C-alpha atoms as a PDB file:
ATOM      1  CA  MET A   1      58.182-137.879-117.061  1.00  0.00           C
ATOM      2  CA  THR A   2      60.751-140.974-117.540  1.00  0.00           C
ATOM      3  CA  PRO A   3      62.052-141.819-120.934  1.00  0.00           C
ATOM      4  CA  ILE A   4      60.261-145.258-120.786  1.00  0.00           C
ATOM      5  CA  SER A   5      56.654-143.786-119.888  1.00  0.00           C
ATOM      6  CA  GLN A   6      57.690-141.071-122.840  1.00  0.00           C
ATOM      7  CA  GLY A   7      58.050-143.983-125.083  1.00  0.00           C
ATOM      8  CA  ILE A   8      55.158-145.619-123.994  1.00  0.00           C
ATOM      9  CA  ALA A   9      52.761-142.182-124.873  1.00  0.00           C
ATOM     10  CA  HIS A  10      54.632-141.898-128.087  1.00  0.00           C
ATOM     11  CA  ARG A  11      53.668-145.336-129.058  1.00  0.00           C
ATOM     12  CA  LEU A  12      50.037-144.944-128.300  1.00  0.00           C
ATOM     13  CA  GLU A  13      49.788-141.418-130.133  1.00  0.00           C
ATOM     14  CA  GLN A  14      51.430-143.027-132.955  1.00  0.00           C
ATOM     15  CA  LEU A  15      48.522-145.755-132.615  1.00  0.00           C
ATOM     16  CA  ILE A  16      46.062-143.151-132.413  1.00  0.00           C
ATOM     17  CA  LEU A  17      46.970-141.206-135.346  1.00  0.00           C
ATOM     18  CA  GLU A  18      47.414-144.079-137.697  1.00  0.00           C
ATOM     19  CA  GLY A  19      43.908-144.870-137.072  1.00  0.00           C
ATOM     20  CA  ASN A  20      44.201-148.100-134.974  1.00  0.00           C
ATOM     21  CA  TYR A  21      41.819-146.424-132.377  1.00  0.00           C
ATOM     22  CA  GLN A  22      39.398-144.192-133.528  1.00  0.00           C
ATOM     23  CA  PRO A  23      37.776-140.928-131.578  1.00  0.00           C
ATOM     24  CA  GLY A  24      35.253-142.349-128.898  1.00  0.00           C
ATOM     25  CA  GLN A  25      37.125-145.759-128.739  1.00  0.00           C
ATOM     26  CA  LYS A  26      38.192-147.368-125.567  1.00  0.00           C
ATOM     27  CA  ILE A  27      41.810-147.982-125.519  1.00  0.00           C
ATOM     28  CA  PRO A  28      42.914-151.088-123.415  1.00  0.00           C
ATOM     29  CA  SER A  29      43.211-150.761-119.846  1.00  0.00           C
ATOM     30  CA  GLU A  30      46.234-150.332-117.800  1.00  0.00           C
ATOM     31  CA  ARG A  31      46.338-153.699-117.013  1.00  0.00           C
ATOM     32  CA  GLN A  32      46.183-155.102-120.716  1.00  0.00           C
ATOM     33  CA  LEU A  33      48.728-152.467-121.704  1.00  0.00           C
ATOM     34  CA  THR A  34      51.099-153.342-118.940  1.00  0.00           C
ATOM     35  CA  GLU A  35      50.901-156.976-120.152  1.00  0.00           C
ATOM     36  CA  ARG A  36      51.029-156.458-123.385  1.00  0.00           C
ATOM     37  CA  LEU A  37      54.244-153.759-123.368  1.00  0.00           C
ATOM     38  CA  GLY A  38      56.248-155.714-120.733  1.00  0.00           C
ATOM     39  CA  VAL A  39      56.286-152.752-118.378  1.00  0.00           C
ATOM     40  CA  SER A  40      55.172-151.684-114.792  1.00  0.00           C
ATOM     41  CA  ARG A  41      51.489-150.469-114.383  1.00  0.00           C
ATOM     42  CA  SER A  42      53.199-147.090-112.822  1.00  0.00           C
ATOM     43  CA  LEU A  43      54.778-146.331-116.178  1.00  0.00           C
ATOM     44  CA  VAL A  44      51.473-147.051-118.202  1.00  0.00           C
ATOM     45  CA  ARG A  45      49.650-144.844-115.923  1.00  0.00           C
ATOM     46  CA  GLU A  46      52.379-142.220-116.038  1.00  0.00           C
ATOM     47  CA  ALA A  47      52.254-142.438-120.123  1.00  0.00           C
ATOM     48  CA  LEU A  48      48.507-142.126-119.907  1.00  0.00           C
ATOM     49  CA  LYS A  49      48.134-139.046-117.829  1.00  0.00           C
ATOM     50  CA  ALA A  50      50.501-137.468-120.393  1.00  0.00           C
ATOM     51  CA  LEU A  51      48.087-137.991-122.807  1.00  0.00           C
ATOM     52  CA  GLN A  52      45.197-136.885-121.120  1.00  0.00           C
ATOM     53  CA  GLY A  53      47.142-133.923-120.486  1.00  0.00           C
ATOM     54  CA  ARG A  54      47.812-133.198-124.017  1.00  0.00           C
ATOM     55  CA  GLY A  55      44.328-133.797-124.886  1.00  0.00           C
ATOM     56  CA  MET A  56      44.376-137.234-126.688  1.00  0.00           C
ATOM     57  CA  ILE A  57      42.577-139.032-124.306  1.00  0.00           C
ATOM     58  CA  GLU A  58      39.730-138.767-121.982  1.00  0.00           C
ATOM     59  CA  THR A  59      39.349-140.689-118.951  1.00  0.00           C
ATOM     60  CA  ARG A  60      35.886-141.613-117.520  1.00  0.00           C
ATOM     61  CA  HIS A  61      35.417-142.651-114.211  1.00  0.00           C
ATOM     62  CA  GLY A  62      34.587-146.510-113.986  1.00  0.00           C
ATOM     63  CA  GLN A  63      34.556-147.081-117.432  1.00  0.00           C
ATOM     64  CA  GLY A  64      38.320-146.284-118.672  1.00  0.00           C
ATOM     65  CA  SER A  65      40.266-144.137-121.129  1.00  0.00           C
ATOM     66  CA  PHE A  66      38.761-143.202-124.492  1.00  0.00           C
ATOM     67  CA  VAL A  67      40.288-141.496-127.651  1.00  0.00           C
ATOM     68  CA  ALA A  68      39.344-138.045-127.691  1.00  0.00           C
ATOM     69  CA  ASN A  69      37.483-136.267-130.596  1.00  0.00           C
ATOM     70  CA  MET A  70      40.438-133.877-131.556  1.00  0.00           C
ATOM     71  CA  LEU A  71      38.757-132.603-134.760  1.00  0.00           C
ATOM     72  CA  PRO A  72      35.820-129.900-134.695  1.00  0.00           C
ATOM     73  CA  ASP A  73      32.217-131.289-135.398  1.00  0.00           C
ATOM     74  CA  ALA A  74      30.926-128.411-137.185  1.00  0.00           C
ATOM     75  CA  ASP A  75      31.984-125.791-139.647  1.00  0.00           C
ATOM     76  CA  ASN A  76      32.891-122.715-137.381  1.00  0.00           C
ATOM     77  CA  ASN A  77      34.344-120.583-140.127  1.00  0.00           C
ATOM     78  CA  ARG A  78      31.378-117.951-140.012  1.00  0.00           C
ATOM     79  CA  VAL A  79      33.385-115.537-142.699  1.00  0.00           C
ATOM     80  CA  LEU A  80      33.424-118.730-145.236  1.00  0.00           C
ATOM     81  CA  THR A  81      30.044-119.750-144.642  1.00  0.00           C
ATOM     82  CA  ARG A  82      28.537-116.375-145.372  1.00  0.00           C
ATOM     83  CA  LEU A  83      30.581-116.314-148.607  1.00  0.00           C
ATOM     84  CA  PHE A  84      29.218-119.412-149.661  1.00  0.00           C
ATOM     85  CA  GLN A  85      25.782-118.437-149.210  1.00  0.00           C
ATOM     86  CA  GLU A  86      25.780-115.175-150.479  1.00  0.00           C
ATOM     87  CA  HIS A  87      28.237-115.058-153.366  1.00  0.00           C
ATOM     88  CA  GLU A  88      27.817-117.476-155.955  1.00  0.00           C
ATOM     89  CA  ARG A  89      30.997-118.152-157.283  1.00  0.00           C
ATOM     90  CA  THR A  90      32.236-119.449-153.641  1.00  0.00           C
ATOM     91  CA  LEU A  91      30.291-122.767-154.481  1.00  0.00           C
ATOM     92  CA  TYR A  92      32.903-123.564-157.251  1.00  0.00           C
ATOM     93  CA  ASP A  93      35.868-122.175-155.307  1.00  0.00           C
ATOM     94  CA  LEU A  94      35.013-125.122-152.854  1.00  0.00           C
ATOM     95  CA  LEU A  95      34.530-127.990-155.558  1.00  0.00           C
ATOM     96  CA  GLU A  96      37.829-126.607-156.687  1.00  0.00           C
ATOM     97  CA  VAL A  97      39.472-127.232-153.566  1.00  0.00           C
ATOM     98  CA  ARG A  98      37.244-130.522-152.913  1.00  0.00           C
ATOM     99  CA  GLU A  99      38.634-132.118-156.172  1.00  0.00           C
ATOM    100  CA  GLN A 100      42.327-131.769-155.168  1.00  0.00           C
ATOM    101  CA  MET A 101      41.651-132.579-151.080  1.00  0.00           C
ATOM    102  CA  GLU A 102      39.010-135.741-152.050  1.00  0.00           C
ATOM    103  CA  GLY A 103      41.592-136.891-154.774  1.00  0.00           C
ATOM    104  CA  GLN A 104      44.434-137.227-152.205  1.00  0.00           C
ATOM    105  CA  ALA A 105      42.082-138.423-149.314  1.00  0.00           C
ATOM    106  CA  ALA A 106      41.174-141.461-151.697  1.00  0.00           C
ATOM    107  CA  ALA A 107      44.573-141.933-152.944  1.00  0.00           C
ATOM    108  CA  LEU A 108      45.618-142.315-149.235  1.00  0.00           C
ATOM    109  CA  ALA A 109      42.836-144.424-148.144  1.00  0.00           C
ATOM    110  CA  ALA A 110      43.687-146.798-150.952  1.00  0.00           C
ATOM    111  CA  GLU A 111      47.276-147.214-149.668  1.00  0.00           C
ATOM    112  CA  ARG A 112      46.448-147.073-145.946  1.00  0.00           C
ATOM    113  CA  ALA A 113      42.948-148.533-144.945  1.00  0.00           C
ATOM    114  CA  THR A 114      42.552-150.838-142.486  1.00  0.00           C
ATOM    115  CA  GLN A 115      39.888-153.778-142.480  1.00  0.00           C
ATOM    116  CA  GLN A 116      37.950-151.641-139.994  1.00  0.00           C
ATOM    117  CA  ASP A 117      37.936-148.716-142.516  1.00  0.00           C
ATOM    118  CA  HIS A 118      36.979-151.011-145.312  1.00  0.00           C
ATOM    119  CA  TYR A 119      33.873-152.289-143.181  1.00  0.00           C
ATOM    120  CA  ARG A 120      32.974-148.192-142.353  1.00  0.00           C
ATOM    121  CA  ILE A 121      33.319-147.276-146.212  1.00  0.00           C
ATOM    122  CA  THR A 122      31.423-150.411-147.294  1.00  0.00           C
ATOM    123  CA  GLN A 123      28.424-149.679-144.822  1.00  0.00           C
ATOM    124  CA  ALA A 124      28.448-146.042-145.792  1.00  0.00           C
ATOM    125  CA  PHE A 125      28.327-146.999-149.441  1.00  0.00           C
ATOM    126  CA  GLN A 126      25.751-149.443-149.361  1.00  0.00           C
ATOM    127  CA  ALA A 127      23.775-147.001-147.211  1.00  0.00           C
ATOM    128  CA  MET A 128      24.237-144.294-149.810  1.00  0.00           C
ATOM    129  CA  GLU A 129      23.356-146.869-152.677  1.00  0.00           C
ATOM    130  CA  GLY A 130      20.351-148.118-151.120  1.00  0.00           C
ATOM    131  CA  ALA A 131      18.559-144.406-150.402  1.00  0.00           C
ATOM    132  CA  ASP A 132      16.537-142.345-152.536  1.00  0.00           C
ATOM    133  CA  ALA A 133      18.270-140.418-154.983  1.00  0.00           C
ATOM    134  CA  LEU A 134      16.567-137.330-153.705  1.00  0.00           C
ATOM    135  CA  SER A 135      17.264-136.991-150.058  1.00  0.00           C
ATOM    136  CA  ASN A 136      20.606-139.146-149.710  1.00  0.00           C
ATOM    137  CA  ALA A 137      22.797-136.040-149.005  1.00  0.00           C
ATOM    138  CA  HIS A 138      23.901-136.951-145.755  1.00  0.00           C
ATOM    139  CA  LEU A 139      24.695-140.750-146.987  1.00  0.00           C
ATOM    140  CA  ASP A 140      26.625-139.080-149.872  1.00  0.00           C
ATOM    141  CA  HIS A 141      28.577-136.910-147.409  1.00  0.00           C
ATOM    142  CA  ALA A 142      29.005-139.588-144.855  1.00  0.00           C
ATOM    143  CA  PHE A 143      30.541-142.072-147.497  1.00  0.00           C
ATOM    144  CA  HIS A 144      33.390-139.459-148.535  1.00  0.00           C
ATOM    145  CA  ALA A 145      33.981-138.807-145.221  1.00  0.00           C
ATOM    146  CA  ALA A 146      34.618-142.566-144.467  1.00  0.00           C
ATOM    147  CA  ILE A 147      37.284-142.485-147.009  1.00  0.00           C
ATOM    148  CA  ALA A 148      38.808-139.184-145.540  1.00  0.00           C
ATOM    149  CA  GLU A 149      39.136-140.766-142.415  1.00  0.00           C
ATOM    150  CA  ALA A 150      40.819-143.917-143.892  1.00  0.00           C
ATOM    151  CA  SER A 151      43.856-141.833-144.874  1.00  0.00           C
ATOM    152  CA  HIS A 152      45.087-141.638-141.679  1.00  0.00           C
ATOM    153  CA  ASN A 153      46.032-137.982-142.447  1.00  0.00           C
ATOM    154  CA  PRO A 154      45.192-136.379-139.146  1.00  0.00           C
ATOM    155  CA  VAL A 155      45.861-132.896-140.838  1.00  0.00           C
ATOM    156  CA  LEU A 156      44.108-133.836-144.197  1.00  0.00           C
ATOM    157  CA  ILE A 157      40.640-135.180-141.981  1.00  0.00           C
ATOM    158  CA  HIS A 158      40.822-131.960-139.823  1.00  0.00           C
ATOM    159  CA  VAL A 159      41.041-129.686-142.652  1.00  0.00           C
ATOM    160  CA  LEU A 160      38.147-131.434-144.549  1.00  0.00           C
ATOM    161  CA  ASN A 161      36.413-131.594-141.101  1.00  0.00           C
ATOM    162  CA  SER A 162      36.613-127.890-140.966  1.00  0.00           C
ATOM    163  CA  LEU A 163      34.700-127.311-143.930  1.00  0.00           C
ATOM    164  CA  LYS A 164      32.149-129.828-143.126  1.00  0.00           C
ATOM    165  CA  GLY A 165      29.163-127.596-142.996  1.00  0.00           C
ATOM    166  CA  MET A 166      29.982-125.732-146.646  1.00  0.00           C
ATOM    167  CA  THR A 167      31.013-129.180-148.231  1.00  0.00           C
ATOM    168  CA  LEU A 168      27.429-130.680-147.081  1.00  0.00           C
ATOM    169  CA  GLN A 169      25.916-127.768-148.675  1.00  0.00           C
ATOM    170  CA  SER A 170      27.957-128.295-151.809  1.00  0.00           C
ATOM    171  CA  VAL A 171      26.705-131.909-151.833  1.00  0.00           C
ATOM    172  CA  HIS A 172      22.857-130.915-151.153  1.00  0.00           C
ATOM    173  CA  ALA A 173      23.575-128.332-154.308  1.00  0.00           C
ATOM    174  CA  SER A 174      24.563-131.713-156.352  1.00  0.00           C
ATOM    175  CA  VAL A 175      21.717-133.703-155.003  1.00  0.00           C
ATOM    176  CA  ASN A 176      19.019-130.904-155.563  1.00  0.00           C
ATOM    177  CA  ASN A 177      20.281-130.048-159.422  1.00  0.00           C
ATOM    178  CA  LEU A 178      21.635-133.441-160.569  1.00  0.00           C
ATOM    179  CA  SER A 179      19.780-136.249-159.049  1.00  0.00           C
ATOM    180  CA  HIS A 180      16.541-136.284-160.662  1.00  0.00           C
ATOM    181  CA  ARG A 181      18.562-135.983-164.301  1.00  0.00           C
ATOM    182  CA  GLN A 182      19.293-139.534-165.328  1.00  0.00           C
ATOM    183  CA  HIS A 183      22.369-138.754-167.384  1.00  0.00           C
ATOM    184  CA  PHE A 184      24.054-136.854-164.773  1.00  0.00           C
ATOM    185  CA  LYS A 185      23.094-139.248-161.838  1.00  0.00           C
ATOM    186  CA  GLN A 186      24.286-142.275-163.628  1.00  0.00           C
ATOM    187  CA  LYS A 187      27.717-140.598-164.312  1.00  0.00           C
ATOM    188  CA  ILE A 188      27.733-139.685-160.220  1.00  0.00           C
ATOM    189  CA  ASP A 189      26.755-143.309-159.366  1.00  0.00           C
ATOM    190  CA  ARG A 190      29.498-144.765-161.740  1.00  0.00           C
ATOM    191  CA  TYR A 191      32.083-142.582-160.245  1.00  0.00           C
ATOM    192  CA  HIS A 192      31.020-143.554-156.487  1.00  0.00           C
ATOM    193  CA  ARG A 193      31.323-147.140-157.433  1.00  0.00           C
ATOM    194  CA  GLN A 194      34.631-146.292-159.155  1.00  0.00           C
ATOM    195  CA  ILE A 195      36.049-144.916-155.929  1.00  0.00           C
ATOM    196  CA  TYR A 196      34.475-147.609-153.392  1.00  0.00           C
ATOM    197  CA  HIS A 197      36.465-150.298-155.541  1.00  0.00           C
ATOM    198  CA  ALA A 198      39.609-148.668-156.299  1.00  0.00           C
ATOM    199  CA  VAL A 199      39.908-147.711-152.435  1.00  0.00           C
ATOM    200  CA  LEU A 200      38.953-151.247-151.530  1.00  0.00           C
ATOM    201  CA  GLY A 201      41.189-152.642-154.065  1.00  0.00           C
ATOM    202  CA  ARG A 202      44.151-150.827-152.867  1.00  0.00           C
ATOM    203  CA  GLN A 203      44.570-148.982-156.137  1.00  0.00           C
ATOM    204  CA  PRO A 204      45.658-145.401-155.044  1.00  0.00           C
ATOM    205  CA  GLN A 205      46.067-144.131-158.707  1.00  0.00           C
ATOM    206  CA  TRP A 206      42.789-145.506-160.186  1.00  0.00           C
ATOM    207  CA  ALA A 207      41.059-143.776-156.331  1.00  0.00           C
ATOM    208  CA  ARG A 208      42.738-140.537-156.830  1.00  0.00           C
ATOM    209  CA  LYS A 209      41.583-140.386-160.742  1.00  0.00           C
ATOM    210  CA  ALA A 210      38.055-141.480-160.093  1.00  0.00           C
ATOM    211  CA  ALA A 211      37.488-139.201-156.828  1.00  0.00           C
ATOM    212  CA  THR A 212      38.957-136.028-158.764  1.00  0.00           C
ATOM    213  CA  ALA A 213      37.105-136.854-161.608  1.00  0.00           C
ATOM    214  CA  HIS A 214      33.295-137.250-159.484  1.00  0.00           C
ATOM    215  CA  VAL A 215      33.970-133.627-157.974  1.00  0.00           C
ATOM    216  CA  ARG A 216      35.099-132.201-161.314  1.00  0.00           C
ATOM    217  CA  HIS A 217      31.773-133.750-162.925  1.00  0.00           C
ATOM    218  CA  VAL A 218      29.559-132.111-160.393  1.00  0.00           C
ATOM    219  CA  GLN A 219      31.234-128.854-160.691  1.00  0.00           C
ATOM    220  CA  GLU A 220      30.980-128.975-164.806  1.00  0.00           C
ATOM    221  CA  SER A 221      27.475-130.317-164.700  1.00  0.00           C
ATOM    222  CA  LEU A 222      26.318-127.456-162.555  1.00  0.00           C
ATOM    223  CA  ARG A 223      28.064-124.704-164.394  1.00  0.00           C
ATOM    224  CA  GLU A 224      26.156-126.385-167.183  1.00  0.00           C
ATOM    225  CA  ILE A 225      22.772-126.166-165.435  1.00  0.00           C
ATOM    226  CA  GLU A 226      22.911-122.990-164.436  1.00  0.00           C
ATOM    227  CA  LYS A 227      24.173-121.461-167.825  1.00  0.00           C
ATOM    228  CA  ASN A 228      21.304-123.100-169.708  1.00  0.00           C
ATOM    229  CA  GLU A 229      18.643-122.668-167.048  1.00  0.00           C
ATOM    230  CA  ASP A 230      19.890-119.343-165.629  1.00  0.00           C
ATOM    231  CA  GLY A 231      20.475-120.500-162.152  1.00  0.00           C
ATOM    232  CA  ILE A 232      20.667-123.682-159.913  1.00  0.00           C
ATOM    233  CA  ILE A 233      19.131-124.608-156.522  1.00  0.00           C
ATOM    234  CA  ARG A 234      21.793-123.779-154.041  1.00  0.00           C
ATOM    235  CA  GLU A 235      19.804-124.216-150.475  1.00  0.00           C
ATOM    236  CA  ALA A 236      19.337-127.477-149.092  1.00  0.00           C
ATOM    237  CA  THR A 237      15.733-128.748-149.642  1.00  0.00           C
ATOM    238  CA  THR A 238      16.260-132.062-148.317  1.00  0.00           C
ATOM    239  CA  LYS A 239      15.953-133.728-144.882  1.00  0.00           C
ATOM    240  CA  PRO A 240      18.771-135.545-143.570  1.00  0.00           C
END
Protein backbone atom coordinates (compact mmCIF):
# COMPACT_ATOMS: atom_id res chain seq x y z
CA MET A 1 0.00 0.00 0.00
CA THR A 2 1.45 3.37 -1.00
CA PRO A 3 1.86 6.24 1.49
CA ILE A 4 -0.74 8.26 -0.45
CA SER A 5 -3.37 5.50 -0.36
CA GLN A 6 -2.59 4.97 3.34
CA GLY A 7 -3.30 8.66 3.91
CA ILE A 8 -6.60 8.39 2.02
CA ALA A 9 -7.63 5.34 4.06
CA HIS A 10 -6.69 7.10 7.30
CA ARG A 11 -8.72 10.18 6.33
CA LEU A 12 -11.78 8.08 5.53
CA GLU A 13 -11.40 6.18 8.80
CA GLN A 14 -11.28 9.49 10.64
CA LEU A 15 -14.48 10.66 8.94
CA ILE A 16 -16.20 7.42 9.99
CA LEU A 17 -14.97 7.68 13.59
CA GLU A 18 -16.11 11.30 13.77
CA GLY A 19 -19.58 10.28 12.64
CA ASN A 20 -19.55 11.99 9.25
CA TYR A 21 -20.45 8.59 7.79
CA GLN A 22 -22.79 6.48 9.93
CA PRO A 23 -23.04 2.65 10.01
CA GLY A 24 -25.00 1.54 6.97
CA GLN A 25 -24.47 4.83 5.14
CA LYS A 26 -23.10 4.79 1.61
CA ILE A 27 -19.78 6.58 1.22
CA PRO A 28 -18.92 8.60 -1.92
CA SER A 29 -18.10 6.61 -5.04
CA GLU A 30 -14.56 6.11 -6.32
CA ARG A 31 -15.17 8.81 -8.91
CA GLN A 32 -16.48 11.27 -6.32
CA LEU A 33 -13.57 10.59 -3.97
CA THR A 34 -11.11 10.98 -6.84
CA GLU A 35 -12.55 14.42 -7.65
CA ARG A 36 -12.75 15.56 -4.01
CA LEU A 37 -9.28 14.39 -3.02
CA GLY A 38 -7.51 15.21 -6.27
CA VAL A 39 -5.85 11.79 -6.56
CA SER A 40 -6.00 8.95 -9.05
CA ARG A 41 -8.81 6.43 -9.04
CA SER A 42 -6.34 3.58 -8.49
CA LEU A 43 -5.18 5.16 -5.20
CA VAL A 44 -8.78 5.58 -4.04
CA ARG A 45 -9.54 1.98 -4.97
CA GLU A 46 -6.47 0.81 -3.01
CA ALA A 47 -7.57 2.78 0.06
CA LEU A 48 -11.10 1.38 -0.11
CA LYS A 49 -9.72 -2.16 -0.38
CA ALA A 50 -7.67 -1.56 2.75
CA LEU A 51 -10.73 -0.29 4.65
CA GLN A 52 -12.71 -3.30 3.49
CA GLY A 53 -9.96 -5.58 4.73
CA ARG A 54 -10.07 -3.89 8.14
CA GLY A 55 -13.83 -4.37 8.36
CA MET A 56 -14.55 -0.62 8.24
CA ILE A 57 -16.61 -0.74 5.03
CA GLU A 58 -18.60 -3.28 3.06
CA THR A 59 -18.68 -3.26 -0.73
CA ARG A 60 -21.96 -4.37 -2.31
CA HIS A 61 -21.90 -5.38 -5.96
CA GLY A 62 -23.58 -2.77 -8.13
CA GLN A 63 -24.35 -0.51 -5.14
CA GLY A 64 -21.07 0.83 -3.84
CA SER A 65 -19.33 0.92 -0.46
CA PHE A 66 -21.10 1.29 2.86
CA VAL A 67 -19.90 1.88 6.43
CA ALA A 68 -19.89 -1.42 8.29
CA ASN A 69 -21.67 -1.87 11.60
CA MET A 70 -18.71 -2.25 13.93
CA LEU A 71 -20.78 -2.43 17.10
CA PRO A 72 -22.68 -5.42 18.51
CA ASP A 73 -26.45 -5.37 17.98
CA ALA A 74 -27.32 -7.22 21.16
CA ASP A 75 -26.07 -7.90 24.64
CA ASN A 76 -23.93 -11.01 24.28
CA ASN A 77 -22.67 -11.05 27.87
CA ARG A 78 -24.66 -13.99 29.14
CA VAL A 79 -23.09 -13.97 32.60
CA LEU A 80 -24.07 -10.35 33.30
CA THR A 81 -27.51 -10.90 31.80
CA ARG A 82 -28.11 -13.89 34.07
CA LEU A 83 -26.91 -11.92 37.11
CA PHE A 84 -29.23 -9.07 36.16
CA GLN A 85 -32.18 -11.44 35.98
CA GLU A 86 -31.41 -13.43 39.12
CA HIS A 87 -29.87 -10.98 41.58
CA GLU A 88 -31.78 -7.93 42.79
CA ARG A 89 -28.79 -5.65 43.35
CA THR A 90 -27.54 -5.93 39.74
CA LEU A 91 -30.23 -3.48 38.58
CA TYR A 92 -28.75 -0.83 40.87
CA ASP A 93 -25.19 -1.75 39.86
CA LEU A 94 -26.18 -1.12 36.25
CA LEU A 95 -27.83 2.21 37.11
CA GLU A 96 -24.62 3.31 38.85
CA VAL A 97 -22.70 2.59 35.63
CA ARG A 98 -25.35 4.25 33.46
CA GLU A 99 -25.20 7.39 35.60
CA GLN A 100 -21.52 7.92 34.84
CA MET A 101 -21.43 6.77 31.23
CA GLU A 102 -24.61 8.52 30.09
CA GLY A 103 -23.46 11.70 31.79
CA GLN A 104 -20.23 11.58 29.81
CA ALA A 105 -22.07 10.70 26.60
CA ALA A 106 -24.42 13.67 27.01
CA ALA A 107 -21.54 16.06 27.68
CA LEU A 108 -19.63 14.86 24.61
CA ALA A 109 -22.79 14.99 22.48
CA ALA A 110 -23.30 18.62 23.52
CA GLU A 111 -19.78 19.36 22.28
CA ARG A 112 -19.61 17.19 19.16
CA ALA A 113 -23.09 16.57 17.76
CA THR A 114 -23.56 17.38 14.08
CA GLN A 115 -26.72 18.80 12.51
CA GLN A 116 -27.60 15.26 11.46
CA ASP A 117 -27.19 14.12 15.09
CA HIS A 118 -29.46 16.95 16.24
CA TYR A 119 -32.09 15.81 13.76
CA ARG A 120 -31.92 12.19 14.97
CA ILE A 121 -32.01 13.23 18.64
CA THR A 122 -34.99 15.49 17.98
CA GLN A 123 -36.84 12.72 16.16
CA ALA A 124 -36.17 10.31 19.04
CA PHE A 125 -37.19 12.90 21.65
CA GLN A 126 -40.45 13.76 19.90
CA ALA A 127 -41.33 10.08 19.41
CA MET A 128 -40.71 9.43 23.11
CA GLU A 129 -42.69 12.49 24.19
CA GLY A 130 -45.65 11.54 22.02
CA ALA A 131 -45.85 7.90 23.11
CA ASP A 132 -47.99 6.35 25.82
CA ALA A 133 -46.03 6.61 29.07
CA LEU A 134 -46.57 2.95 29.95
CA SER A 135 -45.35 1.54 26.65
CA ASN A 136 -42.47 3.76 25.63
CA ALA A 137 -39.48 1.87 27.05
CA HIS A 138 -37.97 1.24 23.61
CA LEU A 139 -38.47 4.88 22.61
CA ASP A 140 -36.96 6.05 25.89
CA HIS A 141 -33.94 3.82 25.25
CA ALA A 142 -33.71 5.05 21.63
CA PHE A 143 -33.52 8.67 22.84
CA HIS A 144 -30.55 7.92 25.10
CA ALA A 145 -28.93 5.79 22.38
CA ALA A 146 -29.17 8.70 19.89
CA ILE A 147 -27.36 10.93 22.37
CA ALA A 148 -24.67 8.30 22.96
CA GLU A 149 -24.08 8.00 19.19
CA ALA A 150 -23.71 11.78 18.99
CA SER A 151 -20.76 11.58 21.42
CA HIS A 152 -18.66 10.34 18.46
CA ASN A 153 -16.56 8.30 20.87
CA PRO A 154 -16.50 4.79 19.36
CA VAL A 155 -15.23 3.18 22.58
CA LEU A 156 -17.98 4.74 24.69
CA ILE A 157 -20.62 3.83 22.10
CA HIS A 158 -19.29 0.27 21.94
CA VAL A 159 -19.40 -0.19 25.73
CA LEU A 160 -22.91 1.26 26.03
CA ASN A 161 -24.13 -0.81 23.10
CA SER A 162 -22.65 -3.98 24.60
CA LEU A 163 -24.95 -3.38 27.58
CA LYS A 164 -27.96 -2.72 25.37
CA GLY A 165 -30.02 -5.70 26.53
CA MET A 166 -29.50 -5.00 30.22
CA THR A 167 -29.98 -1.27 29.78
CA LEU A 168 -33.29 -1.83 28.02
CA GLN A 169 -34.43 -4.02 30.91
CA SER A 170 -33.53 -1.24 33.35
CA VAL A 171 -35.57 1.20 31.25
CA HIS A 172 -38.50 -1.23 31.39
CA ALA A 173 -38.13 -1.31 35.18
CA SER A 174 -38.25 2.49 35.26
CA VAL A 175 -41.29 2.69 32.96
CA ASN A 176 -43.23 -0.09 34.69
CA ASN A 177 -42.67 1.23 38.20
CA LEU A 178 -42.55 5.01 37.77
CA SER A 179 -44.55 6.09 34.72
CA HIS A 180 -47.96 5.66 36.35
CA ARG A 181 -46.89 7.65 39.42
CA GLN A 182 -47.34 11.31 38.54
CA HIS A 183 -44.66 12.75 40.83
CA PHE A 184 -41.93 10.45 39.52
CA LYS A 185 -43.10 10.74 35.91
CA GLN A 186 -43.07 14.54 35.95
CA LYS A 187 -39.46 14.59 37.17
CA ILE A 188 -38.36 12.07 34.55
CA ASP A 189 -40.01 14.13 31.81
CA ARG A 190 -38.31 17.26 33.13
CA TYR A 191 -34.89 15.58 33.10
CA HIS A 192 -35.43 14.33 29.54
CA ARG A 193 -36.29 17.87 28.39
CA GLN A 194 -33.22 19.25 30.18
CA ILE A 195 -30.93 16.70 28.54
CA TYR A 196 -32.45 17.39 25.13
CA HIS A 197 -32.13 21.17 25.34
CA ALA A 198 -28.64 21.01 26.85
CA VAL A 199 -27.33 18.80 24.05
CA LEU A 200 -28.93 20.85 21.28
CA GLY A 201 -27.88 24.05 23.04
CA ARG A 202 -24.26 22.82 23.15
CA GLN A 203 -23.99 23.12 26.93
CA PRO A 204 -21.89 20.11 28.00
CA GLN A 205 -21.83 20.81 31.75
CA TRP A 206 -25.61 21.18 31.87
CA ALA A 207 -26.02 18.07 29.72
CA ARG A 208 -23.80 16.00 32.02
CA LYS A 209 -25.57 17.29 35.12
CA ALA A 210 -29.05 16.59 33.72
CA ALA A 211 -28.14 13.10 32.45
CA THR A 212 -26.54 11.98 35.71
CA ALA A 213 -29.37 13.48 37.78
CA HIS A 214 -31.91 11.66 35.61
CA VAL A 215 -30.37 8.21 36.16
CA ARG A 216 -29.79 8.94 39.85
CA HIS A 217 -33.46 9.92 40.22
CA VAL A 218 -34.54 6.62 38.64
CA GLN A 219 -32.26 4.66 40.95
CA GLU A 220 -33.37 6.47 44.11
CA SER A 221 -37.04 6.25 43.13
CA LEU A 222 -36.87 2.51 42.50
CA ARG A 223 -35.13 1.98 45.83
CA GLU A 224 -37.81 4.02 47.59
CA ILE A 225 -40.65 2.06 46.00
CA GLU A 226 -38.93 -1.26 46.65
CA LYS A 227 -38.45 -0.37 50.29
CA ASN A 228 -41.97 0.95 50.90
CA GLU A 229 -43.85 -1.60 48.83
CA ASP A 230 -41.66 -4.66 49.37
CA GLY A 231 -40.64 -5.10 45.75
CA ILE A 232 -40.68 -3.62 42.26
CA ILE A 233 -41.52 -4.92 38.78
CA ARG A 234 -38.24 -6.03 37.20
CA GLU A 235 -39.42 -7.87 34.10
CA ALA A 236 -40.53 -6.18 30.87
CA THR A 237 -44.30 -6.19 30.72
CA THR A 238 -44.73 -3.86 27.76
CA LYS A 239 -44.38 -4.49 24.05
CA PRO A 240 -42.06 -2.49 21.81
